[in-house]
Amino acid sequence: MNKELRRVSVVTLAMFLALFVSTSVIQVFAVDELRADPRNVRTLYASYSAERGPILVDGRPIAESVEAPESVFAFLRVYSEPGLYAPVTGYFTLNQGNTGIEGAYNDFLTGTANEQFLDQLGALVTGQRPRGAAVELTIDPVVQQAAREAMGDLKGAVVAIEPSTGRILAMVSTPSFDPNRLSAHDTASVIEAYEQLLNDPDDPLINRTISGDQYFPGSTFKVLVAAAAIDSGRFTAESTFPNPATLELPLSDAVVRNATRGPCGSGSTVTIATALRLSCNIPFAELGLALGEETLAEYADRFGFGAELQVPMAVTPSRFPRGLDDAQLMLSSFGQFDVRVTPLQMAMVNAAIANGGNLMQPTLLDRIIAPDLSIIQQPEPTLLGQPVSRATAETVTRLMVDAVANGVAGNARIEGVDVAGKTGTAENGGDAPFTLWFTGFAPADNPRVAVAVVIEDGGGLGQSGSSNQIAAPIGKRVLEAVLSR
């Protein structure tokens, strides 16, 4: 073989190997990424031609595909109770991608997941129309309905978790939207509806339970601070702090006050137990400074702050700020300055306390069911960690029960049931309306549910509404819905 022919042969072989490698990468390693890419219109169009699997709650479809004989596509996606479940299901559209469960489990719903390869092969051989799997959720329809009705016209969110498993029993974000407007086959109407929702100042497309701009947790953060203080071994529930009516922050002319504008109860000193029961800011500012930023940040991380969670939708990580001066640390110790959370995060804090200090992975997925009714996936409860000891959890539970029975969270009381709870009223600066919170769990001695409620814009009362007045009754109704099951 002469030199020129040898060179041509080498180049040809190199080109063949390059083509083989690139094809293998695309067909084997990058297939899932390419399939999920919203720019892949072939996958999207194919999914409209397949019978997309339903999304189920308690065995009943809340999203399903129905035949559309007058359309160029074989099926139309229909949502039976859109306002109630839209933050959970998300939407499935021809032009604007997928969100919520529709997006997170798109491959299973379209029947194209790797776990469904044999089903795909069988459909190809038999010539049957491809069918997607059903996704069954952990949502309890009674609890979901109770939470939505309790919210009424208020703007905010409710999330309820089963502490022992992490199963999400309710996920409500208001205002909601109608995903049926986005699932139509008419491109122009879909784009018009999407732009209207996108430009709505109330942001109905945002699932406030897990994403969005996040909130100052206000006094609900005191549960975490009290747990950190007691679990550190440096303090007990009866540890005392000075009890002034005002506290000037270090190196600042800013002043911290309690909600009563007076001292925290009577006496020159106040215990952590009393400060939590009466939700006093000054003692917790003093406690946070004594604990230090490093300890508070460590316990915040233990409870899930900063973690990249998926439920299966991605959760915006909550944050506890770092690099604080003393004044900023004191403000952060009662949930202000730059502490930012999702309602799910605060439900997780309460769920961990309720579960003896064990924090479970929150999830919406109960199971994924193949068209032949076989189970493709059925996840087991997963332990994320133990942020505090059982002894600490029991002590904090006792303090939270006292906050409902004899403290500022009295509107969460349920006759015959010990409720552990904490209200929070977060300031947003200047004359901006307060953010109102309730977090808690019940029954305190054998918790079945942990809940977080957040209300924006002061519940329509600006800075006049209180958390006990507006948020606590909503939390109570959600707790009652679970306990009645």
Protein backbone atom coordinates (compact mmCIF):
# COMPACT_ATOMS: atom_id res chain seq x y z
CA MET A 1 0.00 0.00 0.00
CA ASN A 2 1.53 3.33 -1.02
CA LYS A 3 1.88 6.25 1.39
CA GLU A 4 -1.03 8.31 -0.03
CA LEU A 5 -3.47 5.41 0.17
CA ARG A 6 -2.36 4.67 3.72
CA ARG A 7 -3.05 8.28 4.71
CA VAL A 8 -6.51 8.20 3.14
CA SER A 9 -7.24 4.94 4.97
CA VAL A 10 -6.15 6.39 8.33
CA VAL A 11 -8.24 9.54 7.85
CA THR A 12 -11.26 7.47 6.79
CA LEU A 13 -10.88 5.22 9.84
CA ALA A 14 -10.56 8.26 12.13
CA MET A 15 -13.69 9.80 10.65
CA PHE A 16 -15.59 6.53 11.08
CA LEU A 17 -14.48 6.25 14.72
CA ALA A 18 -15.48 9.86 15.37
CA LEU A 19 -18.90 9.25 13.83
CA PHE A 20 -19.30 6.03 15.84
CA VAL A 21 -18.37 7.72 19.12
CA SER A 22 -20.59 10.78 18.55
CA THR A 23 -23.54 8.59 17.55
CA SER A 24 -23.06 6.39 20.62
CA VAL A 25 -22.93 9.44 22.89
CA ILE A 26 -26.13 10.84 21.40
CA GLN A 27 -28.03 7.54 21.38
CA VAL A 28 -26.84 6.16 24.73
CA PHE A 29 -25.46 8.77 27.09
CA ALA A 30 -27.28 11.97 26.04
CA VAL A 31 -30.63 10.47 25.17
CA ASP A 32 -32.36 11.50 28.42
CA GLU A 33 -31.01 15.04 28.26
CA LEU A 34 -32.02 15.46 24.62
CA ARG A 35 -35.44 14.00 25.27
CA ALA A 36 -36.05 16.47 28.10
CA ASP A 37 -34.77 19.47 26.16
CA PRO A 38 -37.77 21.81 25.60
CA ARG A 39 -36.40 22.68 22.14
CA ASN A 40 -36.85 19.05 21.03
CA VAL A 41 -40.19 19.55 19.27
CA ARG A 42 -40.18 16.02 17.86
CA THR A 43 -40.42 14.62 21.40
CA LEU A 44 -43.14 17.13 22.26
CA TYR A 45 -45.20 16.39 19.16
CA ALA A 46 -44.78 12.66 19.70
CA SER A 47 -46.04 13.03 23.29
CA TYR A 48 -49.23 14.64 21.94
CA SER A 49 -49.72 11.65 19.66
CA ALA A 50 -49.34 9.16 22.53
CA GLU A 51 -51.83 8.51 25.30
CA ARG A 52 -50.11 10.40 28.10
CA GLY A 53 -50.49 8.72 31.47
CA PRO A 54 -52.77 10.25 34.12
CA ILE A 55 -51.76 12.01 37.31
CA LEU A 56 -53.71 10.44 40.16
CA VAL A 57 -54.80 11.54 43.62
CA ASP A 58 -56.34 8.78 45.74
CA GLY A 59 -56.78 6.75 42.54
CA ARG A 60 -58.69 9.49 40.72
CA PRO A 61 -57.22 11.36 37.74
CA ILE A 62 -56.63 15.07 38.25
CA ALA A 63 -54.87 15.25 34.85
CA GLU A 64 -55.50 12.89 31.95
CA SER A 65 -55.40 12.68 28.17
CA VAL A 66 -58.62 12.37 26.20
CA GLU A 67 -59.04 11.66 22.50
CA ALA A 68 -59.22 14.72 20.27
CA PRO A 69 -60.60 13.46 16.93
CA GLU A 70 -60.92 16.95 15.42
CA SER A 71 -57.32 17.90 16.16
CA VAL A 72 -54.08 17.16 14.32
CA PHE A 73 -52.97 15.57 17.59
CA ALA A 74 -54.55 12.40 18.87
CA PHE A 75 -54.98 13.50 22.50
CA LEU A 76 -55.78 16.59 24.55
CA ARG A 77 -54.58 17.05 28.13
CA VAL A 78 -57.45 17.80 30.54
CA TYR A 79 -57.30 18.94 34.17
CA SER A 80 -60.39 18.12 36.22
CA GLU A 81 -59.88 20.45 39.21
CA PRO A 82 -57.45 23.02 37.87
CA GLY A 83 -57.59 25.66 40.58
CA LEU A 84 -57.09 23.11 43.33
CA TYR A 85 -54.20 21.14 41.86
CA ALA A 86 -52.49 23.38 39.28
CA PRO A 87 -49.50 24.22 41.54
CA VAL A 88 -48.90 20.47 41.85
CA THR A 89 -49.64 19.21 38.34
CA GLY A 90 -48.14 22.22 36.60
CA TYR A 91 -49.03 22.37 32.92
CA PHE A 92 -48.35 20.49 29.68
CA THR A 93 -48.26 22.72 26.62
CA LEU A 94 -47.41 22.62 22.97
CA ASN A 95 -45.44 25.86 23.07
CA GLN A 96 -44.32 26.75 26.61
CA GLY A 97 -42.81 23.54 27.97
CA ASN A 98 -43.93 21.56 31.01
CA THR A 99 -43.88 22.35 34.73
CA GLY A 100 -44.81 20.67 38.00
CA ILE A 101 -45.42 16.94 37.98
CA GLU A 102 -46.05 17.15 34.22
CA GLY A 103 -42.47 18.28 33.72
CA ALA A 104 -40.75 16.28 36.45
CA TYR A 105 -42.21 12.94 35.32
CA ASN A 106 -42.63 13.71 31.61
CA ASP A 107 -40.64 10.65 30.53
CA PHE A 108 -42.81 8.26 32.57
CA LEU A 109 -46.05 9.98 31.56
CA THR A 110 -45.11 9.67 27.88
CA GLY A 111 -43.90 6.09 28.26
CA THR A 112 -40.35 6.92 27.20
CA ALA A 113 -38.49 6.39 30.49
CA ASN A 114 -35.64 3.90 30.48
CA GLU A 115 -37.63 1.75 32.91
CA GLN A 116 -40.34 1.43 30.24
CA PHE A 117 -38.07 0.19 27.44
CA LEU A 118 -39.69 -3.24 27.23
CA ASP A 119 -43.13 -1.63 27.01
CA GLN A 120 -41.87 0.58 24.18
CA LEU A 121 -40.44 -2.46 22.41
CA GLY A 122 -43.68 -4.41 22.86
CA ALA A 123 -45.75 -1.55 21.44
CA LEU A 124 -43.39 -1.33 18.45
CA VAL A 125 -43.64 -5.06 17.72
CA THR A 126 -47.42 -5.32 18.16
CA GLY A 127 -48.22 -2.01 16.51
CA GLN A 128 -50.17 -0.83 19.55
CA ARG A 129 -50.53 2.86 20.32
CA PRO A 130 -47.90 3.91 22.91
CA ARG A 131 -49.22 4.63 26.40
CA GLY A 132 -47.64 6.41 29.33
CA ALA A 133 -47.51 5.37 32.96
CA ALA A 134 -49.74 6.77 35.68
CA VAL A 135 -48.19 8.88 38.43
CA GLU A 136 -49.96 8.49 41.79
CA LEU A 137 -49.36 11.34 44.25
CA THR A 138 -49.19 11.42 48.04
CA ILE A 139 -51.70 14.29 48.18
CA ASP A 140 -54.73 13.64 50.39
CA PRO A 141 -57.73 15.16 48.54
CA VAL A 142 -59.59 15.98 51.77
CA VAL A 143 -56.61 17.80 53.25
CA GLN A 144 -55.89 19.57 49.96
CA GLN A 145 -59.48 20.77 49.71
CA ALA A 146 -59.51 21.93 53.34
CA ALA A 147 -56.32 23.92 52.83
CA ARG A 148 -57.59 25.54 49.65
CA GLU A 149 -60.93 26.48 51.18
CA ALA A 150 -59.22 27.87 54.28
CA MET A 151 -57.06 30.13 52.13
CA GLY A 152 -60.08 31.66 50.39
CA ASP A 153 -59.04 34.82 48.53
CA LEU A 154 -55.83 35.25 50.50
CA LYS A 155 -52.47 35.22 48.75
CA GLY A 156 -49.94 32.73 50.06
CA ALA A 157 -49.34 29.03 50.50
CA VAL A 158 -50.03 25.97 52.63
CA VAL A 159 -48.02 22.77 52.78
CA ALA A 160 -48.71 19.75 54.99
CA ILE A 161 -46.30 16.83 55.54
CA GLU A 162 -46.60 13.45 57.23
CA PRO A 163 -43.62 13.70 59.65
CA SER A 164 -42.77 10.00 59.82
CA THR A 165 -42.52 9.52 56.03
CA GLY A 166 -42.10 12.93 54.38
CA ARG A 167 -45.22 12.37 52.28
CA ILE A 168 -46.71 15.71 51.22
CA LEU A 169 -50.43 15.62 52.04
CA ALA A 170 -51.33 19.09 50.80
CA MET A 171 -49.63 21.65 48.57
CA VAL A 172 -51.67 24.79 47.96
CA SER A 173 -50.47 28.02 46.37
CA THR A 174 -52.78 30.97 45.84
CA PRO A 175 -53.74 32.50 43.54
CA SER A 176 -53.79 29.49 41.25
CA PHE A 177 -54.44 29.15 37.49
CA ASP A 178 -56.21 26.97 34.94
CA PRO A 179 -53.74 24.71 33.07
CA ASN A 180 -56.52 23.76 30.62
CA ARG A 181 -55.93 27.14 28.96
CA LEU A 182 -52.33 26.12 28.32
CA SER A 183 -52.97 22.58 27.09
CA ALA A 184 -55.09 23.60 24.09
CA HIS A 185 -53.97 22.70 20.57
CA ASP A 186 -54.45 26.27 19.36
CA THR A 187 -51.02 27.88 19.46
CA ALA A 188 -52.29 31.46 19.43
CA SER A 189 -54.68 30.95 22.35
CA VAL A 190 -52.03 29.14 24.39
CA ILE A 191 -49.50 31.94 23.91
CA GLU A 192 -52.12 34.55 24.76
CA ALA A 193 -53.12 32.71 27.95
CA TYR A 194 -49.50 32.18 28.95
CA GLU A 195 -48.60 35.84 28.51
CA GLN A 196 -51.63 36.89 30.56
CA LEU A 197 -50.56 34.61 33.39
CA LEU A 198 -46.94 35.68 33.10
CA ASN A 199 -47.87 39.37 33.31
CA ASP A 200 -50.32 38.92 36.19
CA PRO A 201 -48.88 40.89 39.16
CA ASP A 202 -50.09 38.16 41.54
CA ASP A 203 -47.78 35.60 39.85
CA PRO A 204 -50.24 32.68 39.69
CA LEU A 205 -47.72 30.50 37.82
CA ILE A 206 -45.35 30.46 40.81
CA ASN A 207 -45.72 27.58 43.23
CA ARG A 208 -45.19 29.56 46.44
CA THR A 209 -44.73 26.44 48.57
CA ILE A 210 -41.35 25.62 47.00
CA SER A 211 -40.21 28.57 44.86
CA GLY A 212 -40.56 32.26 44.14
CA ASP A 213 -38.96 35.14 46.00
CA GLN A 214 -39.18 33.32 49.37
CA TYR A 215 -40.19 34.87 52.67
CA PHE A 216 -38.76 36.17 55.91
CA PRO A 217 -39.81 33.46 58.41
CA GLY A 218 -40.21 35.92 61.28
CA SER A 219 -40.88 34.31 64.64
CA THR A 220 -41.41 30.82 63.22
CA PHE A 221 -37.61 30.73 62.96
CA LYS A 222 -37.45 30.86 66.76
CA VAL A 223 -38.35 27.14 66.81
CA LEU A 224 -35.10 26.38 65.02
CA VAL A 225 -33.10 28.77 67.24
CA ALA A 226 -34.56 27.26 70.42
CA ALA A 227 -33.84 23.75 69.13
CA ALA A 228 -30.25 24.72 68.27
CA ALA A 229 -29.68 26.31 71.69
CA ILE A 230 -31.02 23.32 73.63
CA ASP A 231 -29.38 20.70 71.40
CA SER A 232 -26.00 22.43 71.66
CA GLY A 233 -25.95 21.56 75.36
CA ARG A 234 -25.14 25.14 76.29
CA PHE A 235 -28.69 26.11 77.20
CA THR A 236 -31.89 24.62 78.58
CA ALA A 237 -35.49 25.71 78.24
CA GLU A 238 -35.10 27.45 81.60
CA SER A 239 -31.95 29.41 80.68
CA THR A 240 -32.55 33.11 81.31
CA PHE A 241 -31.71 36.36 79.55
CA PRO A 242 -32.12 40.04 80.45
CA ASN A 243 -35.67 41.28 79.88
CA PRO A 244 -35.64 44.94 78.80
CA ALA A 245 -38.49 46.61 76.94
CA THR A 246 -36.12 47.74 74.16
CA LEU A 247 -32.72 46.59 72.97
CA GLU A 248 -30.33 48.78 71.00
CA LEU A 249 -28.37 46.73 68.48
CA PRO A 250 -24.55 46.79 68.73
CA LEU A 251 -22.80 49.53 66.72
CA SER A 252 -26.20 50.74 65.56
CA ASP A 253 -28.95 53.12 66.53
CA ALA A 254 -31.57 50.50 65.51
CA VAL A 255 -33.75 49.21 68.32
CA VAL A 256 -35.35 45.79 68.73
CA ARG A 257 -38.75 45.60 70.40
CA ASN A 258 -41.10 42.82 71.35
CA ALA A 259 -44.53 42.72 69.72
CA THR A 260 -46.07 44.04 72.97
CA ARG A 261 -43.68 47.02 72.92
CA GLY A 262 -42.84 46.08 76.49
CA PRO A 263 -40.77 43.44 78.29
CA CYS A 264 -41.38 39.73 77.76
CA GLY A 265 -43.69 39.02 80.66
CA SER A 266 -42.82 40.15 84.19
CA GLY A 267 -39.46 40.07 85.84
CA SER A 268 -36.00 41.35 85.05
CA THR A 269 -35.06 38.11 83.28
CA VAL A 270 -36.95 35.74 80.97
CA THR A 271 -36.51 32.06 80.11
CA ILE A 272 -36.26 30.60 76.61
CA ALA A 273 -39.52 28.75 77.32
CA THR A 274 -41.40 31.95 78.11
CA ALA A 275 -39.79 33.82 75.21
CA LEU A 276 -41.01 31.14 72.78
CA ARG A 277 -44.47 30.97 74.34
CA LEU A 278 -44.93 34.74 74.11
CA SER A 279 -42.87 35.06 70.90
CA CYS A 280 -40.56 37.77 72.19
CA ASN A 281 -37.86 39.16 69.90
CA ILE A 282 -35.41 40.61 72.42
CA PRO A 283 -34.59 37.37 74.29
CA PHE A 284 -34.07 35.54 70.98
CA ALA A 285 -31.78 38.30 69.73
CA GLU A 286 -29.75 37.86 72.91
CA LEU A 287 -29.83 34.06 72.57
CA GLY A 288 -28.69 34.17 68.96
CA LEU A 289 -25.77 36.39 69.82
CA ALA A 290 -24.77 34.04 72.64
CA LEU A 291 -25.01 30.99 70.35
CA GLY A 292 -23.01 32.60 67.56
CA GLU A 293 -23.33 32.57 63.80
CA GLU A 294 -21.40 29.34 63.33
CA THR A 295 -23.74 27.32 65.55
CA LEU A 296 -26.92 28.82 64.11
CA ALA A 297 -25.71 28.28 60.55
CA GLU A 298 -24.80 24.67 61.34
CA TYR A 299 -28.25 23.89 62.69
CA ALA A 300 -29.95 25.70 59.81
CA ASP A 301 -28.02 23.46 57.43
CA ARG A 302 -29.00 20.39 59.47
CA PHE A 303 -32.67 21.27 59.01
CA GLY A 304 -32.23 21.55 55.23
CA PHE A 305 -31.29 25.18 54.59
CA GLY A 306 -29.15 25.44 51.47
CA ALA A 307 -29.98 21.91 50.34
CA GLU A 308 -30.84 21.11 46.72
CA LEU A 309 -34.11 19.24 47.18
CA GLN A 310 -36.52 17.78 44.64
CA VAL A 311 -40.05 16.68 45.53
CA PRO A 312 -39.73 15.86 42.52
CA MET A 313 -39.96 19.52 41.40
CA ALA A 314 -36.85 21.48 42.32
CA VAL A 315 -37.16 23.39 45.59
CA THR A 316 -35.51 26.79 45.89
CA PRO A 317 -32.97 26.39 48.73
CA SER A 318 -33.78 28.38 51.85
CA ARG A 319 -30.90 30.42 53.22
CA PHE A 320 -29.38 31.51 56.47
CA PRO A 321 -26.94 34.36 55.80
CA ARG A 322 -23.23 34.14 56.54
CA GLY A 323 -20.59 36.71 57.47
CA LEU A 324 -22.86 38.57 59.89
CA ASP A 325 -21.96 41.31 62.31
CA ASP A 326 -23.52 41.20 65.78
CA ALA A 327 -26.50 43.36 64.84
CA GLN A 328 -27.29 41.26 61.76
CA LEU A 329 -26.93 38.03 63.76
CA MET A 330 -29.37 39.30 66.39
CA LEU A 331 -31.93 40.24 63.74
CA SER A 332 -31.47 36.88 62.01
CA SER A 333 -32.15 35.09 65.30
CA PHE A 334 -35.81 35.99 65.10
CA GLY A 335 -36.16 35.42 61.37
CA GLN A 336 -35.39 38.86 59.96
CA PHE A 337 -32.40 40.55 58.25
CA ASP A 338 -31.75 38.16 55.30
CA VAL A 339 -33.09 34.80 56.46
CA ARG A 340 -35.23 33.53 53.57
CA VAL A 341 -37.37 30.41 53.45
CA THR A 342 -39.97 28.49 51.53
CA PRO A 343 -43.10 27.24 53.32
CA LEU A 344 -41.87 23.70 52.62
CA GLN A 345 -38.68 24.45 54.56
CA MET A 346 -40.59 25.59 57.63
CA ALA A 347 -42.86 22.55 57.39
CA MET A 348 -39.70 20.41 57.30
CA VAL A 349 -38.36 22.07 60.48
CA ASN A 350 -41.61 21.28 62.28
CA ALA A 351 -41.81 17.78 60.81
CA ALA A 352 -38.32 16.99 62.12
CA ILE A 353 -39.25 18.17 65.63
CA ALA A 354 -42.47 16.15 65.42
CA ASN A 355 -40.57 13.05 64.28
CA GLY A 356 -38.23 12.88 67.25
CA GLY A 357 -35.52 14.89 65.53
CA ASN A 358 -35.51 12.82 62.32
CA LEU A 359 -35.90 14.79 59.08
CA MET A 360 -37.43 12.84 56.20
CA GLN A 361 -37.12 13.62 52.50
CA PRO A 362 -40.36 15.35 51.46
CA THR A 363 -42.02 13.85 48.40
CA LEU A 364 -45.15 14.04 46.27
CA LEU A 365 -44.63 10.63 44.67
CA ASP A 366 -46.55 7.65 45.98
CA ARG A 367 -45.89 5.34 43.03
CA ILE A 368 -45.61 5.09 39.25
CA ILE A 369 -47.91 2.53 37.64
CA ALA A 370 -47.40 0.96 34.19
CA PRO A 371 -50.37 0.57 31.79
CA ASP A 372 -50.51 -3.16 32.76
CA LEU A 373 -50.87 -2.00 36.42
CA SER A 374 -47.42 -3.23 37.43
CA ILE A 375 -45.44 -0.94 39.73
CA ILE A 376 -42.51 0.81 38.06
CA GLN A 377 -41.48 2.89 41.08
CA GLN A 378 -42.65 3.02 44.69
CA PRO A 379 -40.11 4.92 46.78
CA GLU A 380 -39.49 4.11 50.42
CA PRO A 381 -39.30 6.91 53.01
CA THR A 382 -35.81 8.40 53.04
CA LEU A 383 -34.05 9.88 56.08
CA LEU A 384 -32.27 13.14 55.27
CA GLY A 385 -30.66 13.45 58.69
CA GLN A 386 -31.16 14.01 62.40
CA PRO A 387 -30.78 17.74 63.00
CA VAL A 388 -31.45 17.43 66.76
CA SER A 389 -31.68 14.64 69.31
CA ARG A 390 -34.93 13.04 70.39
CA ALA A 391 -34.57 14.66 73.81
CA THR A 392 -34.26 18.10 72.22
CA ALA A 393 -37.25 17.43 69.95
CA GLU A 394 -39.35 16.41 72.95
CA THR A 395 -38.39 19.56 74.85
CA VAL A 396 -39.14 21.86 71.92
CA THR A 397 -42.45 20.06 71.35
CA ARG A 398 -43.42 20.80 74.95
CA LEU A 399 -42.57 24.48 74.48
CA MET A 400 -44.61 24.65 71.25
CA VAL A 401 -47.61 22.99 72.90
CA ASP A 402 -47.45 25.69 75.58
CA ALA A 403 -47.34 28.37 72.85
CA VAL A 404 -50.73 27.14 71.59
CA ALA A 405 -52.32 26.27 74.93
CA ASN A 406 -51.16 29.35 76.86
CA GLY A 407 -49.38 31.61 74.41
CA VAL A 408 -49.76 33.74 71.31
CA ALA A 409 -50.81 30.89 68.97
CA GLY A 410 -54.09 30.22 70.76
CA ASN A 411 -56.25 30.22 67.62
CA ALA A 412 -54.67 26.91 66.61
CA ARG A 413 -56.17 25.09 69.61
CA ILE A 414 -58.19 21.95 68.87
CA GLU A 415 -60.43 20.62 71.60
CA GLY A 416 -59.14 17.37 73.03
CA VAL A 417 -55.87 17.50 71.07
CA ASP A 418 -52.47 18.85 72.08
CA VAL A 419 -51.31 21.05 69.20
CA ALA A 420 -47.69 22.17 68.94
CA GLY A 421 -47.45 25.46 67.09
CA LYS A 422 -45.72 28.75 66.47
CA THR A 423 -46.94 31.92 64.81
CA GLY A 424 -44.74 34.44 63.07
CA THR A 425 -45.19 38.00 61.86
CA ALA A 426 -42.39 38.99 59.49
CA GLU A 427 -41.62 42.61 58.67
CA ASN A 428 -40.80 43.50 55.08
CA GLY A 429 -39.37 46.97 55.59
CA GLY A 430 -40.92 50.43 55.88
CA ASP A 431 -44.68 50.51 55.47
CA ALA A 432 -44.84 47.20 53.55
CA PRO A 433 -47.52 44.78 54.74
CA PHE A 434 -46.42 42.05 57.12
CA THR A 435 -46.05 38.40 56.15
CA LEU A 436 -48.10 36.20 58.46
CA TRP A 437 -47.15 32.64 59.44
CA PHE A 438 -48.31 29.61 61.34
CA THR A 439 -46.29 26.41 61.66
CA GLY A 440 -46.99 23.40 63.83
CA PHE A 441 -48.02 19.77 64.14
CA ALA A 442 -50.56 17.50 65.83
CA PRO A 443 -51.23 15.48 67.86
CA ALA A 444 -48.15 16.52 69.81
CA ASP A 445 -47.70 13.10 71.44
CA ASN A 446 -48.08 11.14 68.18
CA PRO A 447 -47.82 13.58 65.26
CA ARG A 448 -49.66 12.74 62.07
CA VAL A 449 -49.12 16.01 60.22
CA ALA A 450 -46.86 19.05 60.22
CA VAL A 451 -48.08 22.20 58.53
CA ALA A 452 -46.77 25.57 57.37
CA VAL A 453 -49.05 28.44 56.40
CA VAL A 454 -47.85 31.74 54.96
CA ILE A 455 -50.06 34.72 54.11
CA GLU A 456 -48.77 37.63 52.03
CA ASP A 457 -49.75 41.31 52.20
CA GLY A 458 -50.81 41.07 55.83
CA GLY A 459 -53.89 39.14 54.80
CA GLY A 460 -55.25 42.36 53.30
CA LEU A 461 -54.78 44.23 56.59
CA GLY A 462 -51.32 45.63 55.93
CA GLN A 463 -49.50 45.88 59.26
CA SER A 464 -52.69 45.55 61.31
CA GLY A 465 -53.37 41.83 60.87
CA SER A 466 -51.83 39.28 63.21
CA SER A 467 -50.65 35.74 62.53
CA ASN A 468 -52.80 34.34 65.30
CA GLN A 469 -55.81 36.11 63.80
CA ILE A 470 -55.32 35.01 60.16
CA ALA A 471 -52.70 32.26 59.71
CA ALA A 472 -53.31 30.12 62.82
CA PRO A 473 -56.98 29.34 62.01
CA ILE A 474 -55.93 28.16 58.55
CA GLY A 475 -53.33 25.86 60.09
CA LYS A 476 -55.96 24.58 62.51
CA ARG A 477 -58.33 23.64 59.67
CA VAL A 478 -55.58 21.70 57.89
CA LEU A 479 -54.63 19.87 61.09
CA GLU A 480 -58.29 19.04 61.73
CA ALA A 481 -58.69 17.70 58.18
CA VAL A 482 -55.90 15.19 58.79
CA LEU A 483 -57.05 14.23 62.27
CA SER A 484 -60.57 13.59 60.98
CA ARG A 485 -59.34 11.01 58.46
